[in-house]
C-alpha atoms as a PDB file:
ATOM      1  CA  MET A   1      34.072 -26.156   7.498  1.00  0.00           C
ATOM      2  CA  THR A   2      34.536 -22.501   8.678  1.00  0.00           C
ATOM      3  CA  THR A   3      38.273 -23.062   9.163  1.00  0.00           C
ATOM      4  CA  ALA A   4      38.645 -24.818   5.816  1.00  0.00           C
ATOM      5  CA  TYR A   5      37.137 -21.925   3.897  1.00  0.00           C
ATOM      6  CA  ASP A   6      38.899 -19.319   6.016  1.00  0.00           C
ATOM      7  CA  ALA A   7      42.160 -20.793   4.942  1.00  0.00           C
ATOM      8  CA  VAL A   8      41.456 -20.566   1.229  1.00  0.00           C
ATOM      9  CA  ALA A   9      39.194 -17.519   1.174  1.00  0.00           C
ATOM     10  CA  VAL A  10      41.406 -15.401  -1.227  1.00  0.00           C
ATOM     11  CA  GLN A  11      42.149 -18.230  -3.708  1.00  0.00           C
ATOM     12  CA  TYR A  12      38.467 -19.327  -3.674  1.00  0.00           C
ATOM     13  CA  ALA A  13      37.338 -15.755  -4.473  1.00  0.00           C
ATOM     14  CA  GLU A  14      39.570 -15.608  -7.496  1.00  0.00           C
ATOM     15  CA  PHE A  15      38.432 -19.073  -8.666  1.00  0.00           C
ATOM     16  CA  VAL A  16      34.701 -18.392  -8.494  1.00  0.00           C
ATOM     17  CA  ARG A  17      34.922 -15.019 -10.079  1.00  0.00           C
ATOM     18  CA  ASP A  18      36.179 -16.633 -13.309  1.00  0.00           C
ATOM     19  CA  ILE A  19      33.727 -19.543 -13.122  1.00  0.00           C
ATOM     20  CA  TRP A  20      30.520 -17.874 -12.123  1.00  0.00           C
ATOM     21  CA  ASP A  21      30.847 -14.971 -14.546  1.00  0.00           C
ATOM     22  CA  GLY A  22      30.957 -17.138 -17.617  1.00  0.00           C
ATOM     23  CA  ASP A  23      27.962 -19.437 -17.972  1.00  0.00           C
ATOM     24  CA  ALA A  24      24.849 -18.273 -19.928  1.00  0.00           C
ATOM     25  CA  LEU A  25      22.524 -20.902 -18.349  1.00  0.00           C
ATOM     26  CA  ASP A  26      23.463 -19.912 -14.901  1.00  0.00           C
ATOM     27  CA  ARG A  27      22.935 -16.271 -15.694  1.00  0.00           C
ATOM     28  CA  ALA A  28      19.482 -17.199 -16.995  1.00  0.00           C
ATOM     29  CA  ALA A  29      18.664 -19.042 -13.761  1.00  0.00           C
ATOM     30  CA  TRP A  30      19.743 -16.028 -11.654  1.00  0.00           C
ATOM     31  CA  ALA A  31      17.657 -13.724 -13.855  1.00  0.00           C
ATOM     32  CA  ALA A  32      14.563 -15.924 -13.618  1.00  0.00           C
ATOM     33  CA  PHE A  33      14.965 -15.986  -9.796  1.00  0.00           C
ATOM     34  CA  ALA A  34      15.393 -12.223  -9.765  1.00  0.00           C
ATOM     35  CA  ASP A  35      12.263 -11.720 -11.821  1.00  0.00           C
ATOM     36  CA  SER A  36      10.335 -13.901  -9.300  1.00  0.00           C
ATOM     37  CA  VAL A  37      11.351 -11.868  -6.201  1.00  0.00           C
ATOM     38  CA  ARG A  38      12.138  -8.347  -7.418  1.00  0.00           C
ATOM     39  CA  GLY A  39      10.218  -5.718  -5.438  1.00  0.00           C
ATOM     40  CA  ARG A  40       8.737  -8.125  -3.003  1.00  0.00           C
ATOM     41  CA  GLY A  41      11.167  -7.620  -0.080  1.00  0.00           C
ATOM     42  CA  PRO A  42      14.670  -8.562   1.039  1.00  0.00           C
ATOM     43  CA  VAL A  43      16.617 -11.433  -0.435  1.00  0.00           C
ATOM     44  CA  ALA A  44      19.237 -13.468   1.346  1.00  0.00           C
ATOM     45  CA  ASP A  45      22.336 -14.962  -0.447  1.00  0.00           C
ATOM     46  CA  LEU A  46      22.996 -17.801   1.996  1.00  0.00           C
ATOM     47  CA  GLY A  47      26.547 -19.122   1.867  1.00  0.00           C
ATOM     48  CA  CYS A  48      27.469 -15.981  -0.068  1.00  0.00           C
ATOM     49  CA  GLY A  49      31.276 -16.519   0.105  1.00  0.00           C
ATOM     50  CA  PRO A  50      33.121 -13.542  -1.207  1.00  0.00           C
ATOM     51  CA  GLY A  51      29.908 -11.859  -2.354  1.00  0.00           C
ATOM     52  CA  HIS A  52      30.131 -12.149  -6.149  1.00  0.00           C
ATOM     53  CA  LEU A  53      26.583 -13.419  -6.597  1.00  0.00           C
ATOM     54  CA  THR A  54      25.228 -11.046  -3.975  1.00  0.00           C
ATOM     55  CA  ALA A  55      26.589  -8.170  -6.068  1.00  0.00           C
ATOM     56  CA  HIS A  56      25.142  -9.759  -9.215  1.00  0.00           C
ATOM     57  CA  LEU A  57      21.725 -10.042  -7.772  1.00  0.00           C
ATOM     58  CA  HIS A  58      21.951  -6.415  -6.632  1.00  0.00           C
ATOM     59  CA  SER A  59      22.741  -5.372 -10.184  1.00  0.00           C
ATOM     60  CA  LEU A  60      19.491  -7.201 -11.214  1.00  0.00           C
ATOM     61  CA  GLY A  61      17.561  -4.873  -8.919  1.00  0.00           C
ATOM     62  CA  LEU A  62      17.213  -6.921  -5.781  1.00  0.00           C
ATOM     63  CA  ASP A  63      17.359  -5.758  -2.146  1.00  0.00           C
ATOM     64  CA  VAL A  64      19.902  -8.439  -1.299  1.00  0.00           C
ATOM     65  CA  PHE A  65      22.332  -9.150   1.569  1.00  0.00           C
ATOM     66  CA  GLY A  66      24.822 -12.005   2.193  1.00  0.00           C
ATOM     67  CA  ILE A  67      25.319 -14.477   5.005  1.00  0.00           C
ATOM     68  CA  ASP A  68      28.314 -16.876   5.337  1.00  0.00           C
ATOM     69  CA  LEU A  69      29.723 -19.067   8.032  1.00  0.00           C
ATOM     70  CA  SER A  70      33.235 -17.993   7.205  1.00  0.00           C
ATOM     71  CA  PRO A  71      34.415 -14.717   8.784  1.00  0.00           C
ATOM     72  CA  ALA A  72      37.255 -14.534   6.168  1.00  0.00           C
ATOM     73  CA  MET A  73      34.780 -14.714   3.323  1.00  0.00           C
ATOM     74  CA  ILE A  74      32.616 -12.037   4.833  1.00  0.00           C
ATOM     75  CA  GLU A  75      35.633  -9.784   5.304  1.00  0.00           C
ATOM     76  CA  LEU A  76      36.405 -10.246   1.543  1.00  0.00           C
ATOM     77  CA  ALA A  77      32.792  -9.572   0.544  1.00  0.00           C
ATOM     78  CA  ARG A  78      32.633  -6.388   2.670  1.00  0.00           C
ATOM     79  CA  ALA A  79      35.859  -5.120   1.127  1.00  0.00           C
ATOM     80  CA  ALA A  80      34.739  -5.880  -2.439  1.00  0.00           C
ATOM     81  CA  GLU A  81      31.174  -4.598  -2.031  1.00  0.00           C
ATOM     82  CA  PRO A  82      31.116  -1.983   0.779  1.00  0.00           C
ATOM     83  CA  ALA A  83      27.668  -0.727  -0.168  1.00  0.00           C
ATOM     84  CA  LEU A  84      26.080  -4.151   0.458  1.00  0.00           C
ATOM     85  CA  ARG A  85      25.350  -5.897   3.760  1.00  0.00           C
ATOM     86  CA  PHE A  86      27.194  -9.021   4.759  1.00  0.00           C
ATOM     87  CA  GLU A  87      26.944 -10.972   8.011  1.00  0.00           C
ATOM     88  CA  VAL A  88      28.564 -14.027   9.584  1.00  0.00           C
ATOM     89  CA  GLY A  89      25.877 -16.584  10.271  1.00  0.00           C
ATOM     90  CA  SER A  90      24.740 -20.195   9.926  1.00  0.00           C
ATOM     91  CA  MET A  91      22.031 -21.430   7.626  1.00  0.00           C
ATOM     92  CA  ALA A  92      21.088 -23.961  10.272  1.00  0.00           C
ATOM     93  CA  ALA A  93      19.918 -21.200  12.598  1.00  0.00           C
ATOM     94  CA  LEU A  94      19.389 -17.958  10.741  1.00  0.00           C
ATOM     95  CA  ASP A  95      19.136 -14.782  12.826  1.00  0.00           C
ATOM     96  CA  LEU A  96      16.149 -13.582  10.794  1.00  0.00           C
ATOM     97  CA  PRO A  97      12.434 -13.181  11.686  1.00  0.00           C
ATOM     98  CA  ASP A  98       9.823 -15.581  10.453  1.00  0.00           C
ATOM     99  CA  ALA A  99       8.437 -14.805   6.977  1.00  0.00           C
ATOM    100  CA  SER A 100      10.879 -11.892   6.471  1.00  0.00           C
ATOM    101  CA  LEU A 101      12.433 -12.783   3.088  1.00  0.00           C
ATOM    102  CA  ALA A 102      11.047 -12.567  -0.446  1.00  0.00           C
ATOM    103  CA  GLY A 103      13.836 -14.866  -1.681  1.00  0.00           C
ATOM    104  CA  ILE A 104      16.764 -17.067  -0.814  1.00  0.00           C
ATOM    105  CA  LEU A 105      19.757 -17.944  -3.071  1.00  0.00           C
ATOM    106  CA  SER A 106      21.401 -21.092  -1.920  1.00  0.00           C
ATOM    107  CA  TRP A 107      24.127 -21.472  -4.558  1.00  0.00           C
ATOM    108  CA  TYR A 108      26.261 -24.565  -3.670  1.00  0.00           C
ATOM    109  CA  SER A 109      25.780 -23.664  -0.010  1.00  0.00           C
ATOM    110  CA  VAL A 110      24.386 -27.038   1.086  1.00  0.00           C
ATOM    111  CA  ILE A 111      26.843 -29.175  -0.710  1.00  0.00           C
ATOM    112  CA  HIS A 112      29.027 -29.653   2.361  1.00  0.00           C
ATOM    113  CA  THR A 113      26.127 -30.444   4.643  1.00  0.00           C
ATOM    114  CA  PRO A 114      25.793 -34.191   5.716  1.00  0.00           C
ATOM    115  CA  PRO A 115      22.556 -35.453   4.193  1.00  0.00           C
ATOM    116  CA  ALA A 116      20.918 -36.053   7.543  1.00  0.00           C
ATOM    117  CA  GLU A 117      21.250 -32.269   8.304  1.00  0.00           C
ATOM    118  CA  VAL A 118      19.821 -30.938   5.046  1.00  0.00           C
ATOM    119  CA  PRO A 119      16.166 -31.092   6.226  1.00  0.00           C
ATOM    120  CA  GLY A 120      17.044 -28.576   8.952  1.00  0.00           C
ATOM    121  CA  TYR A 121      18.301 -26.179   6.324  1.00  0.00           C
ATOM    122  CA  PHE A 122      15.067 -26.421   4.321  1.00  0.00           C
ATOM    123  CA  ALA A 123      13.126 -25.886   7.493  1.00  0.00           C
ATOM    124  CA  GLU A 124      15.002 -22.593   7.999  1.00  0.00           C
ATOM    125  CA  PHE A 125      14.322 -21.617   4.384  1.00  0.00           C
ATOM    126  CA  THR A 126      10.608 -22.209   4.951  1.00  0.00           C
ATOM    127  CA  ARG A 127      10.539 -20.438   8.234  1.00  0.00           C
ATOM    128  CA  THR A 128      12.228 -17.283   7.017  1.00  0.00           C
ATOM    129  CA  LEU A 129      10.452 -17.031   3.629  1.00  0.00           C
ATOM    130  CA  ALA A 130       7.277 -15.042   3.332  1.00  0.00           C
ATOM    131  CA  PRO A 131       4.400 -16.812   1.589  1.00  0.00           C
ATOM    132  CA  GLY A 132       5.041 -16.660  -2.132  1.00  0.00           C
ATOM    133  CA  GLY A 133       8.774 -16.346  -1.577  1.00  0.00           C
ATOM    134  CA  HIS A 134      11.239 -18.222  -3.812  1.00  0.00           C
ATOM    135  CA  VAL A 135      14.498 -20.281  -3.289  1.00  0.00           C
ATOM    136  CA  LEU A 136      17.045 -20.884  -6.028  1.00  0.00           C
ATOM    137  CA  LEU A 137      19.369 -23.780  -5.127  1.00  0.00           C
ATOM    138  CA  GLY A 138      22.417 -24.815  -7.058  1.00  0.00           C
ATOM    139  CA  CYS A 139      24.311 -28.087  -6.480  1.00  0.00           C
ATOM    140  CA  PHE A 140      26.449 -30.819  -7.978  1.00  0.00           C
ATOM    141  CA  GLU A 141      23.950 -33.401  -9.395  1.00  0.00           C
ATOM    142  CA  ALA A 142      24.406 -37.122  -8.729  1.00  0.00           C
ATOM    143  CA  GLY A 143      24.034 -38.216 -12.359  1.00  0.00           C
ATOM    144  CA  GLY A 144      21.146 -40.584 -11.724  1.00  0.00           C
ATOM    145  CA  GLY A 145      22.822 -42.283  -8.740  1.00  0.00           C
ATOM    146  CA  PRO A 146      22.265 -41.883  -4.965  1.00  0.00           C
ATOM    147  CA  VAL A 147      23.640 -39.066  -2.800  1.00  0.00           C
ATOM    148  CA  SER A 148      27.372 -39.512  -3.068  1.00  0.00           C
ATOM    149  CA  GLU A 149      30.327 -38.019  -1.158  1.00  0.00           C
ATOM    150  CA  PHE A 150      33.401 -36.659  -2.912  1.00  0.00           C
ATOM    151  CA  ASP A 151      36.615 -34.800  -2.172  1.00  0.00           C
ATOM    152  CA  HIS A 152      35.944 -31.084  -2.780  1.00  0.00           C
ATOM    153  CA  LYS A 153      39.534 -30.175  -1.913  1.00  0.00           C
ATOM    154  CA  VAL A 154      38.289 -27.616   0.631  1.00  0.00           C
ATOM    155  CA  THR A 155      36.206 -30.058   2.579  1.00  0.00           C
ATOM    156  CA  THR A 156      33.935 -33.065   2.079  1.00  0.00           C
ATOM    157  CA  ALA A 157      31.014 -32.356  -0.282  1.00  0.00           C
ATOM    158  CA  TYR A 158      28.044 -34.267  -1.677  1.00  0.00           C
ATOM    159  CA  ARG A 159      26.391 -34.783  -5.020  1.00  0.00           C
ATOM    160  CA  TRP A 160      22.572 -35.013  -4.927  1.00  0.00           C
ATOM    161  CA  PRO A 161      19.865 -36.318  -7.169  1.00  0.00           C
ATOM    162  CA  LEU A 162      17.465 -33.411  -7.628  1.00  0.00           C
ATOM    163  CA  ASP A 163      14.457 -35.676  -6.964  1.00  0.00           C
ATOM    164  CA  GLU A 164      15.808 -36.370  -3.490  1.00  0.00           C
ATOM    165  CA  LEU A 165      16.579 -32.704  -2.763  1.00  0.00           C
ATOM    166  CA  MET A 166      13.095 -31.837  -3.943  1.00  0.00           C
ATOM    167  CA  ALA A 167      11.510 -34.446  -1.665  1.00  0.00           C
ATOM    168  CA  LEU A 168      13.281 -32.896   1.335  1.00  0.00           C
ATOM    169  CA  ALA A 169      12.202 -29.427   0.226  1.00  0.00           C
ATOM    170  CA  ALA A 170       8.564 -30.658  -0.148  1.00  0.00           C
ATOM    171  CA  ALA A 171       8.703 -32.121   3.354  1.00  0.00           C
ATOM    172  CA  ALA A 172       9.578 -28.707   4.617  1.00  0.00           C
ATOM    173  CA  GLY A 173       6.691 -27.109   2.862  1.00  0.00           C
ATOM    174  CA  LEU A 174       8.194 -25.877  -0.418  1.00  0.00           C
ATOM    175  CA  VAL A 175       6.908 -26.574  -3.918  1.00  0.00           C
ATOM    176  CA  GLU A 176       8.854 -26.953  -7.168  1.00  0.00           C
ATOM    177  CA  VAL A 177       8.606 -24.189  -9.765  1.00  0.00           C
ATOM    178  CA  GLY A 178      11.212 -25.551 -12.117  1.00  0.00           C
ATOM    179  CA  ARG A 179      14.559 -27.276 -12.409  1.00  0.00           C
ATOM    180  CA  MET A 180      17.509 -27.230 -14.719  1.00  0.00           C
ATOM    181  CA  TYR A 181      20.583 -29.362 -15.469  1.00  0.00           C
ATOM    182  CA  ARG A 182      23.715 -28.424 -17.277  1.00  0.00           C
ATOM    183  CA  GLU A 183      26.947 -30.140 -18.060  1.00  0.00           C
ATOM    184  CA  PRO A 184      30.218 -28.919 -16.522  1.00  0.00           C
ATOM    185  CA  THR A 185      32.319 -26.281 -18.385  1.00  0.00           C
ATOM    186  CA  ALA A 186      36.078 -26.005 -18.615  1.00  0.00           C
ATOM    187  CA  GLY A 187      37.645 -25.528 -15.213  1.00  0.00           C
ATOM    188  CA  GLU A 188      34.698 -27.053 -13.302  1.00  0.00           C
ATOM    189  CA  ARG A 189      34.543 -30.443 -11.621  1.00  0.00           C
ATOM    190  CA  PRO A 190      33.458 -33.116 -14.099  1.00  0.00           C
ATOM    191  CA  PHE A 191      29.945 -33.416 -12.527  1.00  0.00           C
ATOM    192  CA  ARG A 192      26.572 -32.495 -13.919  1.00  0.00           C
ATOM    193  CA  GLN A 193      25.159 -29.343 -12.360  1.00  0.00           C
ATOM    194  CA  GLY A 194      21.579 -29.112 -10.922  1.00  0.00           C
ATOM    195  CA  ARG A 195      19.343 -26.122 -10.150  1.00  0.00           C
ATOM    196  CA  LEU A 196      16.021 -26.045  -8.331  1.00  0.00           C
ATOM    197  CA  LEU A 197      13.611 -23.083  -8.188  1.00  0.00           C
ATOM    198  CA  LEU A 198      11.264 -23.532  -5.239  1.00  0.00           C
ATOM    199  CA  ARG A 199       8.362 -21.503  -3.779  1.00  0.00           C
ATOM    200  CA  LYS A 200       6.654 -21.228  -0.419  1.00  0.00           C
ATOM    201  CA  PRO A 201       2.936 -21.499  -1.101  1.00  0.00           C
ATOM    202  CA  GLN A 202       0.448 -18.776  -0.219  1.00  0.00           C
ATOM    203  CA  PRO A 203      -1.752 -19.830   2.703  1.00  0.00           C
END
């Protein structure tokens, strides 16, 4: 997956800039997430890509940094947002202390993960979140069907029923705060979009 995104980093950065800047419902989800974590500590944008959403969360008043598996994406993010922190790293094994984050944005960053490996990602989210911390997750929704594989053009990706993702998150110790669905807009893949807002309970 690293090599695949390295190869298309510049084109991908141009594509997501146009897509992610335009949807009012997505902006509302990011704002609700920001309201939930603002002033509580650092926030990690996991799978940050070229850093567009990292910068947006910073504009909403968050102490945010980005992590991505692709060195080419991190290079683009650092060039575009030199005042922000970006690091190469894997969500499967985050180089972060336990309970060190107030929030995690996982915006389409688990879509390429084989379903059997997703529980490990949620375990890392729970480990690195402080009690009371929040996760905002965005994905392609399965439209009422099972988890399904599709050709993402960059590399294989998966559509998920939100109920199944939520069950994996709950098994890792996270609770649901809310969820949202929206239909695709022009230029997006013809799949319903899903969002989950999760929280790590206080002890």
